[in-house]
Amino acid sequence: MNDSIYLAIQNNPRFKELVAKRERFAWILSAIMLGLYSAFILLIAYAPQVLGTRLSEGSSITWGIPIGVGLIVSAFVLTAIYVQRANGEFDAMNQALLKEVQL
């Protein structure tokens, strides 16, 4: 592509909308993950007895293990949500933008 196409894309309102939507969505997902990790760290710092409590009488597994695994799984889930939206809505917006600019 030549410079005129890059400039046309950069000045296109659809491109600005795409960038704004992607950034907003990424920041929301990042804030959710940061909130989850912060809550986990605060729980470790201020209520470690909660994480050290056994799941049931006679169990060797404490609540810290499923909560920690849940935190890791939540990262994968949020990534999957982003990928699904990126491959759907954002790619469609990108293709429409490219078609519009190349005409």
Protein backbone atom coordinates (compact mmCIF):
# COMPACT_ATOMS: atom_id res chain seq x y z
CA MET A 1 0.00 0.00 0.00
CA ASN A 2 1.14 3.51 -0.66
CA ASP A 3 1.13 6.52 1.64
CA SER A 4 -2.14 7.90 0.29
CA ILE A 5 -3.98 4.74 1.33
CA TYR A 6 -2.46 4.92 4.82
CA LEU A 7 -3.54 8.55 5.11
CA ALA A 8 -7.02 7.72 3.86
CA ILE A 9 -7.33 4.96 6.46
CA GLN A 10 -5.96 7.14 9.23
CA ASN A 11 -8.38 10.00 8.47
CA ASN A 12 -11.41 7.76 8.00
CA PRO A 13 -14.06 8.07 10.75
CA ARG A 14 -14.63 4.29 10.66
CA PHE A 15 -10.96 3.74 11.50
CA LYS A 16 -11.20 6.11 14.44
CA GLU A 17 -14.34 4.30 15.61
CA LEU A 18 -12.59 0.92 15.29
CA VAL A 19 -9.57 2.11 17.27
CA ALA A 20 -11.77 3.65 19.97
CA LYS A 21 -13.90 0.49 20.32
CA ARG A 22 -10.89 -1.80 20.49
CA GLU A 23 -9.13 0.37 23.04
CA ARG A 24 -12.23 0.72 25.21
CA PHE A 25 -12.88 -3.02 25.13
CA ALA A 26 -9.25 -3.87 25.90
CA TRP A 27 -9.20 -1.43 28.83
CA ILE A 28 -12.43 -2.88 30.24
CA LEU A 29 -11.05 -6.42 30.09
CA SER A 30 -7.75 -5.25 31.57
CA ALA A 31 -9.56 -3.51 34.41
CA ILE A 32 -11.55 -6.67 35.15
CA MET A 33 -8.37 -8.75 35.29
CA LEU A 34 -6.59 -6.16 37.42
CA GLY A 35 -9.55 -6.10 39.78
CA LEU A 36 -9.55 -9.88 40.12
CA TYR A 37 -5.80 -10.06 40.75
CA SER A 38 -5.95 -7.15 43.19
CA ALA A 39 -8.79 -8.80 45.10
CA PHE A 40 -6.78 -12.02 45.30
CA ILE A 41 -3.67 -10.22 46.57
CA LEU A 42 -5.72 -8.26 49.11
CA LEU A 43 -7.30 -11.51 50.27
CA ILE A 44 -3.84 -12.99 50.74
CA ALA A 45 -2.69 -9.89 52.62
CA TYR A 46 -5.67 -9.23 54.87
CA ALA A 47 -7.54 -12.53 55.20
CA PRO A 48 -5.09 -15.40 54.66
CA GLN A 49 -7.19 -17.61 56.93
CA VAL A 50 -9.90 -17.66 54.23
CA LEU A 51 -7.49 -19.14 51.69
CA GLY A 52 -6.11 -21.55 54.29
CA THR A 53 -9.52 -22.96 55.22
CA ARG A 54 -10.03 -26.54 54.06
CA LEU A 55 -12.80 -27.19 51.55
CA SER A 56 -14.33 -29.87 53.72
CA GLU A 57 -13.58 -31.83 56.87
CA GLY A 58 -10.63 -34.12 56.23
CA SER A 59 -9.76 -32.54 52.88
CA SER A 60 -6.19 -31.55 52.17
CA ILE A 61 -7.31 -28.95 49.65
CA THR A 62 -7.83 -25.40 50.88
CA TRP A 63 -9.93 -22.62 49.37
CA GLY A 64 -6.77 -21.00 48.01
CA ILE A 65 -6.34 -23.66 45.35
CA PRO A 66 -9.73 -23.34 43.58
CA ILE A 67 -9.65 -19.55 43.95
CA GLY A 68 -6.14 -19.43 42.40
CA VAL A 69 -7.14 -21.79 39.61
CA GLY A 70 -10.27 -19.69 39.04
CA LEU A 71 -8.10 -16.62 38.67
CA ILE A 72 -5.96 -18.35 36.04
CA VAL A 73 -9.04 -19.64 34.23
CA SER A 74 -10.55 -16.14 34.25
CA ALA A 75 -7.50 -14.88 32.33
CA PHE A 76 -8.12 -17.50 29.64
CA VAL A 77 -11.84 -16.68 29.54
CA LEU A 78 -11.21 -12.95 29.15
CA THR A 79 -8.68 -13.68 26.40
CA ALA A 80 -11.23 -15.89 24.61
CA ILE A 81 -13.83 -13.13 24.89
CA TYR A 82 -11.41 -10.65 23.33
CA VAL A 83 -10.43 -13.04 20.53
CA GLN A 84 -14.08 -13.79 19.75
CA ARG A 85 -14.94 -10.11 19.46
CA ALA A 86 -11.73 -9.32 17.56
CA ASN A 87 -12.38 -12.09 15.03
CA GLY A 88 -16.01 -11.05 14.67
CA GLU A 89 -16.90 -7.40 15.04
CA PHE A 90 -13.43 -5.87 14.77
CA ASP A 91 -12.41 -7.89 11.71
CA ALA A 92 -15.70 -7.03 10.00
CA MET A 93 -15.13 -3.34 10.69
CA ASN A 94 -11.57 -3.66 9.39
CA GLN A 95 -12.65 -5.34 6.16
CA ALA A 96 -15.39 -2.74 5.56
CA LEU A 97 -12.84 0.01 6.10
CA LEU A 98 -10.36 -1.52 3.66
CA LYS A 99 -13.06 -1.95 1.00
CA GLU A 100 -14.16 1.65 1.45
CA VAL A 101 -10.63 3.03 1.18
CA GLN A 102 -9.59 0.93 -1.82
CA LEU A 103 -12.51 2.11 -3.95
